[in-house]
Amino acid sequence: MQTLLERLQSQTSFLTVGETAALIRAHAVTVRDWIRAGVLPGIRVGNRWMVDPGDLARWLTARHTGI
């Protein structure tokens, strides 16, 4: 069974705010606020925020290890 980090590192498509929220068990509004504040890396595609799975994996690792 793959860990969340392994799944993120193997994923090739960007994640929506909703998908990101579900993965990290946070509310979509919280994820969107984190992206807007620069806490979580994200990019604007049209009128939607998207998250690179590799960036999310690095962000989670940094938060876990305190880097």
PDB file of N, CA and C in Angstrom:
ATOM      1  N   MET A   1       0.847  -1.186   0.000  1.00  0.00           N
ATOM      2  CA  MET A   1       0.000   0.000   0.000  1.00  0.00           C
ATOM      3  C   MET A   1       0.889   1.245   0.000  1.00  0.00           C
ATOM      4  N   GLN A   2       0.583   2.168  -0.903  1.00  0.00           N
ATOM      5  CA  GLN A   2       1.371   3.391  -1.018  1.00  0.00           C
ATOM      6  C   GLN A   2       0.979   4.392   0.061  1.00  0.00           C
ATOM      7  N   THR A   3       1.989   5.111   0.524  1.00  0.00           N
ATOM      8  CA  THR A   3       1.709   6.204   1.449  1.00  0.00           C
ATOM      9  C   THR A   3       1.218   7.410   0.649  1.00  0.00           C
ATOM     10  N   LEU A   4       0.690   8.379   1.345  1.00  0.00           N
ATOM     11  CA  LEU A   4       0.222   9.594   0.688  1.00  0.00           C
ATOM     12  C   LEU A   4       1.352  10.261  -0.082  1.00  0.00           C
ATOM     13  N   LEU A   5       2.526  10.356   0.520  1.00  0.00           N
ATOM     14  CA  LEU A   5       3.657  11.003  -0.161  1.00  0.00           C
ATOM     15  C   LEU A   5       4.049  10.250  -1.428  1.00  0.00           C
ATOM     16  N   GLU A   6       4.025   8.914  -1.386  1.00  0.00           N
ATOM     17  CA  GLU A   6       4.355   8.122  -2.573  1.00  0.00           C
ATOM     18  C   GLU A   6       3.320   8.338  -3.674  1.00  0.00           C
ATOM     19  N   ARG A   7       2.044   8.403  -3.299  1.00  0.00           N
ATOM     20  CA  ARG A   7       0.990   8.657  -4.284  1.00  0.00           C
ATOM     21  C   ARG A   7       1.164  10.034  -4.911  1.00  0.00           C
ATOM     22  N   LEU A   8       1.475  11.043  -4.090  1.00  0.00           N
ATOM     23  CA  LEU A   8       1.649  12.402  -4.613  1.00  0.00           C
ATOM     24  C   LEU A   8       2.830  12.484  -5.559  1.00  0.00           C
ATOM     25  N   GLN A   9       3.916  11.806  -5.200  1.00  0.00           N
ATOM     26  CA  GLN A   9       5.119  11.874  -6.021  1.00  0.00           C
ATOM     27  C   GLN A   9       4.954  11.157  -7.361  1.00  0.00           C
ATOM     28  N   SER A  10       4.020  10.204  -7.436  1.00  0.00           N
ATOM     29  CA  SER A  10       3.807   9.493  -8.694  1.00  0.00           C
ATOM     30  C   SER A  10       2.710  10.127  -9.549  1.00  0.00           C
ATOM     31  N   GLN A  11       1.970  11.058  -8.990  1.00  0.00           N
ATOM     32  CA  GLN A  11       0.876  11.703  -9.722  1.00  0.00           C
ATOM     33  C   GLN A  11       1.437  12.746 -10.678  1.00  0.00           C
ATOM     34  N   THR A  12       0.864  12.797 -11.866  1.00  0.00           N
ATOM     35  CA  THR A  12       1.371  13.719 -12.888  1.00  0.00           C
ATOM     36  C   THR A  12       0.472  14.924 -13.126  1.00  0.00           C
ATOM     37  N   SER A  13      -0.781  14.867 -12.715  1.00  0.00           N
ATOM     38  CA  SER A  13      -1.679  15.994 -12.963  1.00  0.00           C
ATOM     39  C   SER A  13      -1.859  16.840 -11.706  1.00  0.00           C
ATOM     40  N   PHE A  14      -2.147  18.099 -11.926  1.00  0.00           N
ATOM     41  CA  PHE A  14      -2.356  19.014 -10.814  1.00  0.00           C
ATOM     42  C   PHE A  14      -3.620  18.637 -10.044  1.00  0.00           C
ATOM     43  N   LEU A  15      -3.646  19.017  -8.770  1.00  0.00           N
ATOM     44  CA  LEU A  15      -4.787  18.749  -7.901  1.00  0.00           C
ATOM     45  C   LEU A  15      -5.647  19.997  -7.766  1.00  0.00           C
ATOM     46  N   THR A  16      -6.949  19.807  -7.712  1.00  0.00           N
ATOM     47  CA  THR A  16      -7.831  20.922  -7.423  1.00  0.00           C
ATOM     48  C   THR A  16      -7.766  21.223  -5.928  1.00  0.00           C
ATOM     49  N   VAL A  17      -8.321  22.343  -5.533  1.00  0.00           N
ATOM     50  CA  VAL A  17      -8.381  22.682  -4.112  1.00  0.00           C
ATOM     51  C   VAL A  17      -9.165  21.611  -3.354  1.00  0.00           C
ATOM     52  N   GLY A  18     -10.272  21.151  -3.938  1.00  0.00           N
ATOM     53  CA  GLY A  18     -11.079  20.118  -3.292  1.00  0.00           C
ATOM     54  C   GLY A  18     -10.328  18.809  -3.113  1.00  0.00           C
ATOM     55  N   GLU A  19      -9.596  18.396  -4.138  1.00  0.00           N
ATOM     56  CA  GLU A  19      -8.800  17.164  -4.047  1.00  0.00           C
ATOM     57  C   GLU A  19      -7.702  17.307  -2.999  1.00  0.00           C
ATOM     58  N   THR A  20      -7.048  18.463  -2.992  1.00  0.00           N
ATOM     59  CA  THR A  20      -5.999  18.719  -2.009  1.00  0.00           C
ATOM     60  C   THR A  20      -6.567  18.676  -0.600  1.00  0.00           C
ATOM     61  N   ALA A  21      -7.702  19.324  -0.410  1.00  0.00           N
ATOM     62  CA  ALA A  21      -8.350  19.351   0.901  1.00  0.00           C
ATOM     63  C   ALA A  21      -8.694  17.943   1.372  1.00  0.00           C
ATOM     64  N   ALA A  22      -9.223  17.125   0.475  1.00  0.00           N
ATOM     65  CA  ALA A  22      -9.580  15.752   0.841  1.00  0.00           C
ATOM     66  C   ALA A  22      -8.348  14.949   1.239  1.00  0.00           C
ATOM     67  N   LEU A  23      -7.253  15.134   0.520  1.00  0.00           N
ATOM     68  CA  LEU A  23      -6.030  14.388   0.819  1.00  0.00           C
ATOM     69  C   LEU A  23      -5.442  14.732   2.182  1.00  0.00           C
ATOM     70  N   ILE A  24      -5.480  16.010   2.529  1.00  0.00           N
ATOM     71  CA  ILE A  24      -4.858  16.416   3.800  1.00  0.00           C
ATOM     72  C   ILE A  24      -5.882  16.601   4.911  1.00  0.00           C
ATOM     73  N   ARG A  25      -7.137  16.248   4.599  1.00  0.00           N
ATOM     74  CA  ARG A  25      -8.226  16.308   5.578  1.00  0.00           C
ATOM     75  C   ARG A  25      -8.394  17.706   6.172  1.00  0.00           C
ATOM     76  N   ALA A  26      -8.493  18.651   5.267  1.00  0.00           N
ATOM     77  CA  ALA A  26      -8.732  20.043   5.643  1.00  0.00           C
ATOM     78  C   ALA A  26      -9.920  20.535   4.822  1.00  0.00           C
ATOM     79  N   HIS A  27     -10.476  21.639   5.206  1.00  0.00           N
ATOM     80  CA  HIS A  27     -11.587  22.224   4.463  1.00  0.00           C
ATOM     81  C   HIS A  27     -11.042  22.932   3.230  1.00  0.00           C
ATOM     82  N   ALA A  28     -11.785  22.891   2.145  1.00  0.00           N
ATOM     83  CA  ALA A  28     -11.354  23.528   0.898  1.00  0.00           C
ATOM     84  C   ALA A  28     -11.113  25.024   1.081  1.00  0.00           C
ATOM     85  N   VAL A  29     -11.919  25.673   1.899  1.00  0.00           N
ATOM     86  CA  VAL A  29     -11.730  27.107   2.150  1.00  0.00           C
ATOM     87  C   VAL A  29     -10.383  27.344   2.830  1.00  0.00           C
ATOM     88  N   THR A  30     -10.005  26.470   3.739  1.00  0.00           N
ATOM     89  CA  THR A  30      -8.716  26.587   4.423  1.00  0.00           C
ATOM     90  C   THR A  30      -7.572  26.439   3.423  1.00  0.00           C
ATOM     91  N   VAL A  31      -7.664  25.434   2.562  1.00  0.00           N
ATOM     92  CA  VAL A  31      -6.617  25.213   1.549  1.00  0.00           C
ATOM     93  C   VAL A  31      -6.501  26.436   0.647  1.00  0.00           C
ATOM     94  N   ARG A  32      -7.632  26.959   0.195  1.00  0.00           N
ATOM     95  CA  ARG A  32      -7.626  28.150  -0.670  1.00  0.00           C
ATOM     96  C   ARG A  32      -6.998  29.337   0.054  1.00  0.00           C
ATOM     97  N   ASP A  33      -7.330  29.513   1.315  1.00  0.00           N
ATOM     98  CA  ASP A  33      -6.747  30.598   2.108  1.00  0.00           C
ATOM     99  C   ASP A  33      -5.239  30.429   2.246  1.00  0.00           C
ATOM    100  N   TRP A  34      -4.775  29.207   2.472  1.00  0.00           N
ATOM    101  CA  TRP A  34      -3.338  28.942   2.586  1.00  0.00           C
ATOM    102  C   TRP A  34      -2.625  29.274   1.287  1.00  0.00           C
ATOM    103  N   ILE A  35      -3.236  28.916   0.156  1.00  0.00           N
ATOM    104  CA  ILE A  35      -2.623  29.220  -1.144  1.00  0.00           C
ATOM    105  C   ILE A  35      -2.548  30.730  -1.344  1.00  0.00           C
ATOM    106  N   ARG A  36      -3.652  31.419  -1.096  1.00  0.00           N
ATOM    107  CA  ARG A  36      -3.681  32.880  -1.269  1.00  0.00           C
ATOM    108  C   ARG A  36      -2.681  33.583  -0.370  1.00  0.00           C
ATOM    109  N   ALA A  37      -2.456  33.051   0.838  1.00  0.00           N
ATOM    110  CA  ALA A  37      -1.527  33.650   1.796  1.00  0.00           C
ATOM    111  C   ALA A  37      -0.076  33.256   1.520  1.00  0.00           C
ATOM    112  N   GLY A  38       0.148  32.326   0.579  1.00  0.00           N
ATOM    113  CA  GLY A  38       1.502  31.888   0.277  1.00  0.00           C
ATOM    114  C   GLY A  38       2.019  30.816   1.216  1.00  0.00           C
ATOM    115  N   VAL A  39       1.161  30.262   2.037  1.00  0.00           N
ATOM    116  CA  VAL A  39       1.561  29.208   2.971  1.00  0.00           C
ATOM    117  C   VAL A  39       1.727  27.882   2.233  1.00  0.00           C
ATOM    118  N   LEU A  40       0.825  27.607   1.308  1.00  0.00           N
ATOM    119  CA  LEU A  40       0.843  26.385   0.499  1.00  0.00           C
ATOM    120  C   LEU A  40       1.067  26.793  -0.951  1.00  0.00           C
ATOM    121  N   PRO A  41       2.028  26.175  -1.653  1.00  0.00           N
ATOM    122  CA  PRO A  41       2.271  26.536  -3.048  1.00  0.00           C
ATOM    123  C   PRO A  41       1.082  26.155  -3.928  1.00  0.00           C
ATOM    124  N   GLY A  42       0.670  27.069  -4.761  1.00  0.00           N
ATOM    125  CA  GLY A  42      -0.416  26.808  -5.698  1.00  0.00           C
ATOM    126  C   GLY A  42      -0.313  27.749  -6.873  1.00  0.00           C
ATOM    127  N   ILE A  43      -0.984  27.404  -7.954  1.00  0.00           N
ATOM    128  CA  ILE A  43      -0.978  28.262  -9.131  1.00  0.00           C
ATOM    129  C   ILE A  43      -2.419  28.544  -9.545  1.00  0.00           C
ATOM    130  N   ARG A  44      -2.600  29.660 -10.175  1.00  0.00           N
ATOM    131  CA  ARG A  44      -3.916  30.058 -10.664  1.00  0.00           C
ATOM    132  C   ARG A  44      -4.037  29.602 -12.115  1.00  0.00           C
ATOM    133  N   VAL A  45      -5.066  28.830 -12.416  1.00  0.00           N
ATOM    134  CA  VAL A  45      -5.344  28.382 -13.778  1.00  0.00           C
ATOM    135  C   VAL A  45      -6.758  28.853 -14.097  1.00  0.00           C
ATOM    136  N   GLY A  46      -6.835  29.891 -14.911  1.00  0.00           N
ATOM    137  CA  GLY A  46      -8.143  30.498 -15.166  1.00  0.00           C
ATOM    138  C   GLY A  46      -8.671  31.104 -13.880  1.00  0.00           C
ATOM    139  N   ASN A  47      -9.830  30.640 -13.449  1.00  0.00           N
ATOM    140  CA  ASN A  47     -10.391  31.145 -12.194  1.00  0.00           C
ATOM    141  C   ASN A  47     -10.283  30.130 -11.059  1.00  0.00           C
ATOM    142  N   ARG A  48      -9.433  29.122 -11.237  1.00  0.00           N
ATOM    143  CA  ARG A  48      -9.272  28.076 -10.222  1.00  0.00           C
ATOM    144  C   ARG A  48      -7.842  28.019  -9.708  1.00  0.00           C
ATOM    145  N   TRP A  49      -7.690  27.644  -8.459  1.00  0.00           N
ATOM    146  CA  TRP A  49      -6.382  27.376  -7.879  1.00  0.00           C
ATOM    147  C   TRP A  49      -6.088  25.897  -8.049  1.00  0.00           C
ATOM    148  N   MET A  50      -4.850  25.583  -8.395  1.00  0.00           N
ATOM    149  CA  MET A  50      -4.405  24.199  -8.555  1.00  0.00           C
ATOM    150  C   MET A  50      -3.120  24.003  -7.762  1.00  0.00           C
ATOM    151  N   VAL A  51      -2.886  22.772  -7.339  1.00  0.00           N
ATOM    152  CA  VAL A  51      -1.712  22.449  -6.534  1.00  0.00           C
ATOM    153  C   VAL A  51      -0.927  21.350  -7.235  1.00  0.00           C
ATOM    154  N   ASP A  52       0.357  21.582  -7.386  1.00  0.00           N
ATOM    155  CA  ASP A  52       1.241  20.565  -7.952  1.00  0.00           C
ATOM    156  C   ASP A  52       1.432  19.484  -6.892  1.00  0.00           C
ATOM    157  N   PRO A  53       1.206  18.209  -7.217  1.00  0.00           N
ATOM    158  CA  PRO A  53       1.342  17.154  -6.207  1.00  0.00           C
ATOM    159  C   PRO A  53       2.746  17.062  -5.611  1.00  0.00           C
ATOM    160  N   GLY A  54       3.770  17.343  -6.412  1.00  0.00           N
ATOM    161  CA  GLY A  54       5.142  17.346  -5.899  1.00  0.00           C
ATOM    162  C   GLY A  54       5.350  18.459  -4.878  1.00  0.00           C
ATOM    163  N   ASP A  55       4.784  19.637  -5.157  1.00  0.00           N
ATOM    164  CA  ASP A  55       4.867  20.749  -4.204  1.00  0.00           C
ATOM    165  C   ASP A  55       4.144  20.402  -2.911  1.00  0.00           C
ATOM    166  N   LEU A  56       2.985  19.741  -3.037  1.00  0.00           N
ATOM    167  CA  LEU A  56       2.240  19.348  -1.839  1.00  0.00           C
ATOM    168  C   LEU A  56       3.036  18.345  -1.019  1.00  0.00           C
ATOM    169  N   ALA A  57       3.675  17.384  -1.677  1.00  0.00           N
ATOM    170  CA  ALA A  57       4.492  16.388  -0.961  1.00  0.00           C
ATOM    171  C   ALA A  57       5.640  17.067  -0.226  1.00  0.00           C
ATOM    172  N   ARG A  58       6.311  18.013  -0.887  1.00  0.00           N
ATOM    173  CA  ARG A  58       7.416  18.733  -0.241  1.00  0.00           C
ATOM    174  C   ARG A  58       6.906  19.581   0.927  1.00  0.00           C
ATOM    175  N   TRP A  59       5.750  20.220   0.745  1.00  0.00           N
ATOM    176  CA  TRP A  59       5.159  21.047   1.794  1.00  0.00           C
ATOM    177  C   TRP A  59       4.813  20.193   3.010  1.00  0.00           C
ATOM    178  N   LEU A  60       4.206  19.038   2.770  1.00  0.00           N
ATOM    179  CA  LEU A  60       3.865  18.142   3.885  1.00  0.00           C
ATOM    180  C   LEU A  60       5.107  17.645   4.602  1.00  0.00           C
ATOM    181  N   THR A  61       6.134  17.280   3.834  1.00  0.00           N
ATOM    182  CA  THR A  61       7.378  16.815   4.430  1.00  0.00           C
ATOM    183  C   THR A  61       8.029  17.902   5.270  1.00  0.00           C
ATOM    184  N   ALA A  62       8.065  19.120   4.747  1.00  0.00           N
ATOM    185  CA  ALA A  62       8.675  20.233   5.479  1.00  0.00           C
ATOM    186  C   ALA A  62       7.911  20.521   6.771  1.00  0.00           C
ATOM    187  N   ARG A  63       6.589  20.453   6.722  1.00  0.00           N
ATOM    188  CA  ARG A  63       5.776  20.687   7.928  1.00  0.00           C
ATOM    189  C   ARG A  63       5.999  19.590   8.951  1.00  0.00           C
ATOM    190  N   HIS A  64       6.184  18.360   8.470  1.00  0.00           N
ATOM    191  CA  HIS A  64       6.375  17.213   9.371  1.00  0.00           C
ATOM    192  C   HIS A  64       7.760  17.235  10.016  1.00  0.00           C
ATOM    193  N   THR A  65       8.761  17.620   9.235  1.00  0.00           N
ATOM    194  CA  THR A  65      10.135  17.592   9.753  1.00  0.00           C
ATOM    195  C   THR A  65      10.556  18.917  10.369  1.00  0.00           C
ATOM    196  N   GLY A  66       9.727  19.944  10.191  1.00  0.00           N
ATOM    197  CA  GLY A  66      10.048  21.245  10.762  1.00  0.00           C
ATOM    198  C   GLY A  66      11.072  22.028   9.988  1.00  0.00           C
ATOM    199  N   ILE A  67      11.292  21.661   8.729  1.00  0.00           N
ATOM    200  CA  ILE A  67      12.278  22.373   7.890  1.00  0.00           C
ATOM    201  C   ILE A  67      11.704  23.685   7.430  1.00  0.00           C
TER     202      ILE A  67
END
